[in-house]
Amino acid sequence: MNRKFGIQFYPKVKESLDKVVSSLIGTIKKKGARQALVELRTQLWSDELTKPVSDIYKTVGVYHANQTYKLIRREIGEKSRNEMWAKDIEEELRKVLLQFAVVKTSETLRNHLILVLQKAILKEMTVDEIVKLFTDSGFTKMQANRIVRTEVNRAANTGTKAAADGFNYEMVKEWIAFRDSRTRGFKPDQPKDHYDMDGQVVDYFSNFTDPRSGEQIEYPLAPGGSAAMVINCRCSYIVVPKRDENGRLIRR
């Protein structure tokens, strides 16, 4: 499903990034590369990214919240849905979206634009050469793929948390990683290790621990995780009710 969501939202994110880069190019042509760099450094975030990222959270987050809610309800035998469910889900997604996703996504994009522009200035490239650098490098395509991959998965995992928070039972959660050559940790020189986090089970209110770096995180792509821990992460997780030695559910 996340792959389908990625295909769905990629064009919208790409279009927004094209507008960001087009605006930057306009500033470079009008005021020069150095002034464009100054203005870029003072920009907090891009409004262009707010809507497509918000749409990702509204669609993907709610979908995965529904899936998790149904799974847990079946496990505990509940047939009715909490009347506050929709509001709780919306509030959790909004909190992560406003406090983390939009700002951090824009910040990462801005920092990359700054780096590219700084290198161009140091090389004493002309305005035409800098414009060509941004238009011919496939920059927005690469960044759009990164943003969609990260934010679709973050929205999915945030939705899982929002749904699980609505139950008054003890829970456990399990980290699920793609175990292939692209998974961080597959290579021994990579600083993070999601490869060997696959299958790690902890109590719901505990953190998962990266065995290589020791970094702890609430769930894959959770707010507060380092860039090396979350950007392009494809991991997910599942939450299930805990049972006692007699197989009975444990209320909080």
C-alpha atoms as a PDB file:
ATOM      1  CA  MET A   1       0.000   0.000   0.000  1.00  0.00           C
ATOM      2  CA  ASN A   2       2.792   2.422   0.809  1.00  0.00           C
ATOM      3  CA  ARG A   3       4.254   1.907  -2.653  1.00  0.00           C
ATOM      4  CA  LYS A   4       0.853   2.778  -4.137  1.00  0.00           C
ATOM      5  CA  PHE A   5       0.647   5.853  -1.924  1.00  0.00           C
ATOM      6  CA  GLY A   6       4.141   6.830  -3.047  1.00  0.00           C
ATOM      7  CA  ILE A   7       3.098   6.663  -6.701  1.00  0.00           C
ATOM      8  CA  GLN A   8      -0.023   8.682  -5.899  1.00  0.00           C
ATOM      9  CA  PHE A   9       1.724  11.516  -4.068  1.00  0.00           C
ATOM     10  CA  TYR A  10       5.002  11.753  -5.990  1.00  0.00           C
ATOM     11  CA  PRO A  11       3.649  14.069  -8.755  1.00  0.00           C
ATOM     12  CA  LYS A  12       2.230  16.518  -6.181  1.00  0.00           C
ATOM     13  CA  VAL A  13       5.461  16.682  -4.204  1.00  0.00           C
ATOM     14  CA  LYS A  14       7.547  16.959  -7.386  1.00  0.00           C
ATOM     15  CA  GLU A  15       5.384  19.850  -8.596  1.00  0.00           C
ATOM     16  CA  SER A  16       5.843  21.657  -5.270  1.00  0.00           C
ATOM     17  CA  LEU A  17       9.610  21.187  -5.381  1.00  0.00           C
ATOM     18  CA  ASP A  18       9.728  22.474  -8.948  1.00  0.00           C
ATOM     19  CA  LYS A  19       8.042  25.662  -7.719  1.00  0.00           C
ATOM     20  CA  VAL A  20      10.574  26.010  -4.860  1.00  0.00           C
ATOM     21  CA  VAL A  21      13.526  25.623  -7.229  1.00  0.00           C
ATOM     22  CA  SER A  22      11.929  27.902  -9.834  1.00  0.00           C
ATOM     23  CA  SER A  23      11.543  30.606  -7.184  1.00  0.00           C
ATOM     24  CA  LEU A  24      15.168  30.182  -6.134  1.00  0.00           C
ATOM     25  CA  ILE A  25      16.327  30.408  -9.757  1.00  0.00           C
ATOM     26  CA  GLY A  26      14.305  33.597 -10.139  1.00  0.00           C
ATOM     27  CA  THR A  27      16.072  35.111  -7.124  1.00  0.00           C
ATOM     28  CA  ILE A  28      19.484  34.057  -8.470  1.00  0.00           C
ATOM     29  CA  LYS A  29      18.782  35.685 -11.836  1.00  0.00           C
ATOM     30  CA  LYS A  30      17.409  38.856 -10.262  1.00  0.00           C
ATOM     31  CA  LYS A  31      19.714  39.383  -7.272  1.00  0.00           C
ATOM     32  CA  GLY A  32      22.663  37.060  -7.817  1.00  0.00           C
ATOM     33  CA  ALA A  33      23.769  33.821  -6.199  1.00  0.00           C
ATOM     34  CA  ARG A  34      25.201  35.355  -3.012  1.00  0.00           C
ATOM     35  CA  GLN A  35      22.020  37.281  -2.167  1.00  0.00           C
ATOM     36  CA  ALA A  36      19.941  34.220  -2.977  1.00  0.00           C
ATOM     37  CA  LEU A  37      22.073  32.272  -0.507  1.00  0.00           C
ATOM     38  CA  VAL A  38      21.510  34.902   2.194  1.00  0.00           C
ATOM     39  CA  GLU A  39      17.745  34.808   1.702  1.00  0.00           C
ATOM     40  CA  LEU A  40      17.718  31.005   1.639  1.00  0.00           C
ATOM     41  CA  ARG A  41      19.512  30.851   4.987  1.00  0.00           C
ATOM     42  CA  THR A  42      16.850  33.027   6.648  1.00  0.00           C
ATOM     43  CA  GLN A  43      13.903  31.058   5.274  1.00  0.00           C
ATOM     44  CA  LEU A  44      12.275  28.851   7.928  1.00  0.00           C
ATOM     45  CA  TRP A  45      10.266  26.544   5.711  1.00  0.00           C
ATOM     46  CA  SER A  46       8.595  26.343   2.351  1.00  0.00           C
ATOM     47  CA  ASP A  47       4.826  26.850   2.223  1.00  0.00           C
ATOM     48  CA  GLU A  48       4.835  24.979  -1.082  1.00  0.00           C
ATOM     49  CA  LEU A  49       5.456  21.698   0.736  1.00  0.00           C
ATOM     50  CA  THR A  50       2.769  22.159   3.382  1.00  0.00           C
ATOM     51  CA  LYS A  51      -0.208  20.979   1.337  1.00  0.00           C
ATOM     52  CA  PRO A  52       1.246  17.853  -0.322  1.00  0.00           C
ATOM     53  CA  VAL A  53       2.814  16.651   2.922  1.00  0.00           C
ATOM     54  CA  SER A  54      -0.431  17.388   4.792  1.00  0.00           C
ATOM     55  CA  ASP A  55      -2.349  15.381   2.189  1.00  0.00           C
ATOM     56  CA  ILE A  56       0.013  12.450   2.716  1.00  0.00           C
ATOM     57  CA  TYR A  57      -0.753  12.453   6.437  1.00  0.00           C
ATOM     58  CA  LYS A  58      -4.509  12.767   5.969  1.00  0.00           C
ATOM     59  CA  THR A  59      -4.639   9.851   3.530  1.00  0.00           C
ATOM     60  CA  VAL A  60      -1.840   7.490   4.570  1.00  0.00           C
ATOM     61  CA  GLY A  61      -2.014   8.117   8.311  1.00  0.00           C
ATOM     62  CA  VAL A  62      -5.751   7.531   8.514  1.00  0.00           C
ATOM     63  CA  TYR A  63      -5.521   4.407   6.339  1.00  0.00           C
ATOM     64  CA  HIS A  64      -2.936   2.763   8.591  1.00  0.00           C
ATOM     65  CA  ALA A  65      -4.717   3.930  11.733  1.00  0.00           C
ATOM     66  CA  ASN A  66      -7.823   2.134  10.474  1.00  0.00           C
ATOM     67  CA  GLN A  67      -5.862  -1.039   9.734  1.00  0.00           C
ATOM     68  CA  THR A  68      -4.244  -1.089  13.175  1.00  0.00           C
ATOM     69  CA  TYR A  69      -7.507  -0.267  14.930  1.00  0.00           C
ATOM     70  CA  LYS A  70      -9.292  -3.160  13.205  1.00  0.00           C
ATOM     71  CA  LEU A  71      -6.451  -5.551  14.046  1.00  0.00           C
ATOM     72  CA  ILE A  72      -6.442  -4.694  17.751  1.00  0.00           C
ATOM     73  CA  ARG A  73     -10.242  -4.679  17.997  1.00  0.00           C
ATOM     74  CA  ARG A  74     -10.357  -8.205  16.586  1.00  0.00           C
ATOM     75  CA  GLU A  75      -7.671  -9.314  19.025  1.00  0.00           C
ATOM     76  CA  ILE A  76      -9.459  -7.983  22.105  1.00  0.00           C
ATOM     77  CA  GLY A  77     -12.949  -8.832  20.891  1.00  0.00           C
ATOM     78  CA  GLU A  78     -14.389  -5.315  20.782  1.00  0.00           C
ATOM     79  CA  LYS A  79     -17.085  -4.676  18.192  1.00  0.00           C
ATOM     80  CA  SER A  80     -17.765  -0.966  18.601  1.00  0.00           C
ATOM     81  CA  ARG A  81     -15.454   1.932  17.858  1.00  0.00           C
ATOM     82  CA  ASN A  82     -14.651   4.626  20.396  1.00  0.00           C
ATOM     83  CA  GLU A  83     -16.627   7.745  19.458  1.00  0.00           C
ATOM     84  CA  MET A  84     -13.527   9.876  19.975  1.00  0.00           C
ATOM     85  CA  TRP A  85     -11.450   7.698  17.652  1.00  0.00           C
ATOM     86  CA  ALA A  86     -11.496   9.959  14.601  1.00  0.00           C
ATOM     87  CA  LYS A  87     -10.650  13.073  16.639  1.00  0.00           C
ATOM     88  CA  ASP A  88      -7.811  11.289  18.456  1.00  0.00           C
ATOM     89  CA  ILE A  89      -6.319  10.116  15.166  1.00  0.00           C
ATOM     90  CA  GLU A  90      -6.618  13.554  13.629  1.00  0.00           C
ATOM     91  CA  GLU A  91      -4.966  15.200  16.637  1.00  0.00           C
ATOM     92  CA  GLU A  92      -1.997  12.802  16.664  1.00  0.00           C
ATOM     93  CA  LEU A  93      -1.401  13.182  12.936  1.00  0.00           C
ATOM     94  CA  ARG A  94      -1.749  16.970  13.148  1.00  0.00           C
ATOM     95  CA  LYS A  95       0.716  17.147  16.034  1.00  0.00           C
ATOM     96  CA  VAL A  96       3.421  15.205  14.214  1.00  0.00           C
ATOM     97  CA  LEU A  97       2.691  16.981  10.933  1.00  0.00           C
ATOM     98  CA  LEU A  98       2.943  20.514  12.319  1.00  0.00           C
ATOM     99  CA  GLN A  99       5.715  19.961  14.850  1.00  0.00           C
ATOM    100  CA  PHE A 100       7.934  17.712  12.803  1.00  0.00           C
ATOM    101  CA  ALA A 101       7.104  16.623   9.268  1.00  0.00           C
ATOM    102  CA  VAL A 102       6.583  19.895   7.401  1.00  0.00           C
ATOM    103  CA  VAL A 103       9.274  21.844   9.234  1.00  0.00           C
ATOM    104  CA  LYS A 104      11.888  19.089   9.114  1.00  0.00           C
ATOM    105  CA  THR A 105      11.170  18.240   5.489  1.00  0.00           C
ATOM    106  CA  SER A 106      11.543  21.889   4.490  1.00  0.00           C
ATOM    107  CA  GLU A 107      14.659  22.263   6.634  1.00  0.00           C
ATOM    108  CA  THR A 108      16.326  19.279   4.986  1.00  0.00           C
ATOM    109  CA  LEU A 109      15.433  20.627   1.549  1.00  0.00           C
ATOM    110  CA  ARG A 110      16.710  24.114   2.410  1.00  0.00           C
ATOM    111  CA  ASN A 111      19.994  22.754   3.758  1.00  0.00           C
ATOM    112  CA  HIS A 112      20.549  20.787   0.566  1.00  0.00           C
ATOM    113  CA  LEU A 113      19.811  23.829  -1.590  1.00  0.00           C
ATOM    114  CA  ILE A 114      22.243  25.874   0.525  1.00  0.00           C
ATOM    115  CA  LEU A 115      24.963  23.247   0.104  1.00  0.00           C
ATOM    116  CA  VAL A 116      24.537  23.123  -3.679  1.00  0.00           C
ATOM    117  CA  LEU A 117      24.542  26.924  -3.924  1.00  0.00           C
ATOM    118  CA  GLN A 118      27.587  27.284  -1.667  1.00  0.00           C
ATOM    119  CA  LYS A 119      29.595  24.855  -3.782  1.00  0.00           C
ATOM    120  CA  ALA A 120      28.575  26.689  -6.946  1.00  0.00           C
ATOM    121  CA  ILE A 121      29.714  30.019  -5.487  1.00  0.00           C
ATOM    122  CA  LEU A 122      33.042  28.570  -4.355  1.00  0.00           C
ATOM    123  CA  LYS A 123      33.611  27.255  -7.886  1.00  0.00           C
ATOM    124  CA  GLU A 124      32.832  30.768  -9.178  1.00  0.00           C
ATOM    125  CA  MET A 125      30.149  29.432 -11.498  1.00  0.00           C
ATOM    126  CA  THR A 126      28.187  31.942 -13.582  1.00  0.00           C
ATOM    127  CA  VAL A 127      24.467  32.545 -13.068  1.00  0.00           C
ATOM    128  CA  ASP A 128      23.675  30.533 -16.199  1.00  0.00           C
ATOM    129  CA  GLU A 129      25.831  27.644 -14.967  1.00  0.00           C
ATOM    130  CA  ILE A 130      24.120  27.663 -11.549  1.00  0.00           C
ATOM    131  CA  VAL A 131      20.669  27.720 -13.160  1.00  0.00           C
ATOM    132  CA  LYS A 132      21.676  24.792 -15.377  1.00  0.00           C
ATOM    133  CA  LEU A 133      22.953  22.961 -12.275  1.00  0.00           C
ATOM    134  CA  PHE A 134      19.502  23.110 -10.663  1.00  0.00           C
ATOM    135  CA  THR A 135      17.507  22.412 -13.819  1.00  0.00           C
ATOM    136  CA  ASP A 136      19.592  19.611 -15.356  1.00  0.00           C
ATOM    137  CA  SER A 137      20.716  17.616 -12.321  1.00  0.00           C
ATOM    138  CA  GLY A 138      17.450  15.783 -11.632  1.00  0.00           C
ATOM    139  CA  PHE A 139      17.514  17.526  -8.260  1.00  0.00           C
ATOM    140  CA  THR A 140      13.753  17.835  -7.723  1.00  0.00           C
ATOM    141  CA  LYS A 141      13.125  14.265  -8.871  1.00  0.00           C
ATOM    142  CA  MET A 142      15.625  12.886  -6.350  1.00  0.00           C
ATOM    143  CA  GLN A 143      14.331  15.095  -3.529  1.00  0.00           C
ATOM    144  CA  ALA A 144      10.696  14.287  -4.317  1.00  0.00           C
ATOM    145  CA  ASN A 145      11.452  10.567  -4.106  1.00  0.00           C
ATOM    146  CA  ARG A 146      13.177  11.056  -0.754  1.00  0.00           C
ATOM    147  CA  ILE A 147      10.361  13.153   0.710  1.00  0.00           C
ATOM    148  CA  VAL A 148       7.596  10.831  -0.491  1.00  0.00           C
ATOM    149  CA  ARG A 149       9.358   7.706   0.729  1.00  0.00           C
ATOM    150  CA  THR A 150      10.104   9.186   4.151  1.00  0.00           C
ATOM    151  CA  GLU A 151       6.792  10.951   4.768  1.00  0.00           C
ATOM    152  CA  VAL A 152       4.546   8.142   3.507  1.00  0.00           C
ATOM    153  CA  ASN A 153       6.250   5.738   5.901  1.00  0.00           C
ATOM    154  CA  ARG A 154       6.279   8.268   8.746  1.00  0.00           C
ATOM    155  CA  ALA A 155       2.550   8.956   8.245  1.00  0.00           C
ATOM    156  CA  ALA A 156       1.833   5.213   8.214  1.00  0.00           C
ATOM    157  CA  ASN A 157       3.730   4.597  11.441  1.00  0.00           C
ATOM    158  CA  THR A 158       2.226   7.654  13.123  1.00  0.00           C
ATOM    159  CA  GLY A 159      -1.212   6.343  12.208  1.00  0.00           C
ATOM    160  CA  THR A 160      -0.351   3.009  13.826  1.00  0.00           C
ATOM    161  CA  LYS A 161       0.634   4.797  17.052  1.00  0.00           C
ATOM    162  CA  ALA A 162      -2.471   6.988  17.037  1.00  0.00           C
ATOM    163  CA  ALA A 163      -4.734   3.942  16.748  1.00  0.00           C
ATOM    164  CA  ALA A 164      -2.921   1.910  19.417  1.00  0.00           C
ATOM    165  CA  ASP A 165      -3.073   4.819  21.857  1.00  0.00           C
ATOM    166  CA  GLY A 166      -6.859   4.496  21.865  1.00  0.00           C
ATOM    167  CA  PHE A 167      -6.903   1.160  23.709  1.00  0.00           C
ATOM    168  CA  ASN A 168      -6.642   0.727  27.468  1.00  0.00           C
ATOM    169  CA  TYR A 169      -4.626  -2.506  27.313  1.00  0.00           C
ATOM    170  CA  GLU A 170      -0.977  -3.402  27.780  1.00  0.00           C
ATOM    171  CA  MET A 171       0.686  -3.724  24.370  1.00  0.00           C
ATOM    172  CA  VAL A 172       3.925  -4.834  22.774  1.00  0.00           C
ATOM    173  CA  LYS A 173       5.348  -3.600  19.480  1.00  0.00           C
ATOM    174  CA  GLU A 174       7.615  -5.275  16.936  1.00  0.00           C
ATOM    175  CA  TRP A 175      10.005  -3.591  14.485  1.00  0.00           C
ATOM    176  CA  ILE A 176       9.616  -4.775  10.884  1.00  0.00           C
ATOM    177  CA  ALA A 177      12.430  -4.051   8.415  1.00  0.00           C
ATOM    178  CA  PHE A 178      13.008  -4.840   4.764  1.00  0.00           C
ATOM    179  CA  ARG A 179      15.981  -7.185   4.976  1.00  0.00           C
ATOM    180  CA  ASP A 180      17.731  -6.516   1.679  1.00  0.00           C
ATOM    181  CA  SER A 181      20.943  -4.886   0.475  1.00  0.00           C
ATOM    182  CA  ARG A 182      19.377  -1.402   0.710  1.00  0.00           C
ATOM    183  CA  THR A 183      18.538  -1.735   4.405  1.00  0.00           C
ATOM    184  CA  ARG A 184      20.778   0.353   6.670  1.00  0.00           C
ATOM    185  CA  GLY A 185      22.974  -1.979   8.627  1.00  0.00           C
ATOM    186  CA  PHE A 186      23.365  -4.463   5.779  1.00  0.00           C
ATOM    187  CA  LYS A 187      26.856  -3.050   5.223  1.00  0.00           C
ATOM    188  CA  PRO A 188      29.203  -3.184   8.248  1.00  0.00           C
ATOM    189  CA  ASP A 189      30.416   0.412   7.813  1.00  0.00           C
ATOM    190  CA  GLN A 190      26.937   1.977   8.028  1.00  0.00           C
ATOM    191  CA  PRO A 191      26.337   3.945  11.270  1.00  0.00           C
ATOM    192  CA  LYS A 192      22.783   2.639  11.851  1.00  0.00           C
ATOM    193  CA  ASP A 193      21.482  -0.918  11.804  1.00  0.00           C
ATOM    194  CA  HIS A 194      17.828  -1.476  10.927  1.00  0.00           C
ATOM    195  CA  TYR A 195      18.700  -4.831   9.375  1.00  0.00           C
ATOM    196  CA  ASP A 196      19.231  -6.436  12.780  1.00  0.00           C
ATOM    197  CA  MET A 197      16.414  -4.455  14.422  1.00  0.00           C
ATOM    198  CA  ASP A 198      13.976  -6.545  12.391  1.00  0.00           C
ATOM    199  CA  GLY A 199      11.930  -8.624  14.848  1.00  0.00           C
ATOM    200  CA  GLN A 200      12.922  -6.578  17.916  1.00  0.00           C
ATOM    201  CA  VAL A 201       9.993  -6.642  20.379  1.00  0.00           C
ATOM    202  CA  VAL A 202       9.557  -4.155  23.246  1.00  0.00           C
ATOM    203  CA  ASP A 203       6.770  -2.972  25.536  1.00  0.00           C
ATOM    204  CA  TYR A 204       4.547  -0.359  23.932  1.00  0.00           C
ATOM    205  CA  PHE A 205       5.823   2.543  26.032  1.00  0.00           C
ATOM    206  CA  SER A 206       9.480   1.537  25.663  1.00  0.00           C
ATOM    207  CA  ASN A 207      11.815   2.542  22.834  1.00  0.00           C
ATOM    208  CA  PHE A 208      13.410   0.391  20.181  1.00  0.00           C
ATOM    209  CA  THR A 209      17.221   0.373  20.292  1.00  0.00           C
ATOM    210  CA  ASP A 210      19.598   0.405  17.348  1.00  0.00           C
ATOM    211  CA  PRO A 211      22.133  -2.346  18.222  1.00  0.00           C
ATOM    212  CA  ARG A 212      24.948  -0.624  16.328  1.00  0.00           C
ATOM    213  CA  SER A 213      24.687   2.997  17.474  1.00  0.00           C
ATOM    214  CA  GLY A 214      22.629   2.606  20.638  1.00  0.00           C
ATOM    215  CA  GLU A 215      20.165   5.260  19.446  1.00  0.00           C
ATOM    216  CA  GLN A 216      16.671   4.791  20.810  1.00  0.00           C
ATOM    217  CA  ILE A 217      13.478   5.669  18.975  1.00  0.00           C
ATOM    218  CA  GLU A 218       9.785   5.247  19.769  1.00  0.00           C
ATOM    219  CA  TYR A 219       8.919   3.732  16.392  1.00  0.00           C
ATOM    220  CA  PRO A 220      10.363   3.805  12.850  1.00  0.00           C
ATOM    221  CA  LEU A 221      10.636   7.439  11.639  1.00  0.00           C
ATOM    222  CA  ALA A 222       9.297   8.787  14.950  1.00  0.00           C
ATOM    223  CA  PRO A 223       9.844  12.475  15.772  1.00  0.00           C
ATOM    224  CA  GLY A 224      13.194  13.028  17.440  1.00  0.00           C
ATOM    225  CA  GLY A 225      15.091  10.400  15.478  1.00  0.00           C
ATOM    226  CA  SER A 226      18.376  11.496  13.927  1.00  0.00           C
ATOM    227  CA  ALA A 227      18.565  12.137  10.189  1.00  0.00           C
ATOM    228  CA  ALA A 228      20.676   9.000   9.747  1.00  0.00           C
ATOM    229  CA  MET A 229      17.980   7.040  11.567  1.00  0.00           C
ATOM    230  CA  VAL A 230      14.906   8.247   9.708  1.00  0.00           C
ATOM    231  CA  ILE A 231      15.574   9.661   6.219  1.00  0.00           C
ATOM    232  CA  ASN A 232      14.589   7.138   3.522  1.00  0.00           C
ATOM    233  CA  CYS A 233      13.668   4.589   6.203  1.00  0.00           C
ATOM    234  CA  ARG A 234      11.326   1.889   4.871  1.00  0.00           C
ATOM    235  CA  CYS A 235      10.680   0.187   8.210  1.00  0.00           C
ATOM    236  CA  SER A 236       7.289  -0.275   9.841  1.00  0.00           C
ATOM    237  CA  TYR A 237       6.058  -1.821  13.054  1.00  0.00           C
ATOM    238  CA  ILE A 238       3.097  -3.689  14.452  1.00  0.00           C
ATOM    239  CA  VAL A 239       1.339  -3.324  17.815  1.00  0.00           C
ATOM    240  CA  VAL A 240      -0.499  -6.213  19.514  1.00  0.00           C
ATOM    241  CA  PRO A 241      -2.127  -6.584  22.953  1.00  0.00           C
ATOM    242  CA  LYS A 242      -0.067  -8.281  25.632  1.00  0.00           C
ATOM    243  CA  ARG A 243      -1.412 -11.353  27.428  1.00  0.00           C
ATOM    244  CA  ASP A 244      -0.583 -12.873  30.820  1.00  0.00           C
ATOM    245  CA  GLU A 245       0.617 -16.433  31.381  1.00  0.00           C
ATOM    246  CA  ASN A 246      -3.005 -17.614  31.232  1.00  0.00           C
ATOM    247  CA  GLY A 247      -3.592 -15.944  27.883  1.00  0.00           C
ATOM    248  CA  ARG A 248      -5.748 -13.167  29.284  1.00  0.00           C
ATOM    249  CA  LEU A 249      -5.530  -9.585  28.107  1.00  0.00           C
ATOM    250  CA  ILE A 250      -3.927  -7.163  30.562  1.00  0.00           C
ATOM    251  CA  ARG A 251      -5.634  -3.833  31.175  1.00  0.00           C
ATOM    252  CA  ARG A 252      -3.484  -0.780  31.861  1.00  0.00           C
END
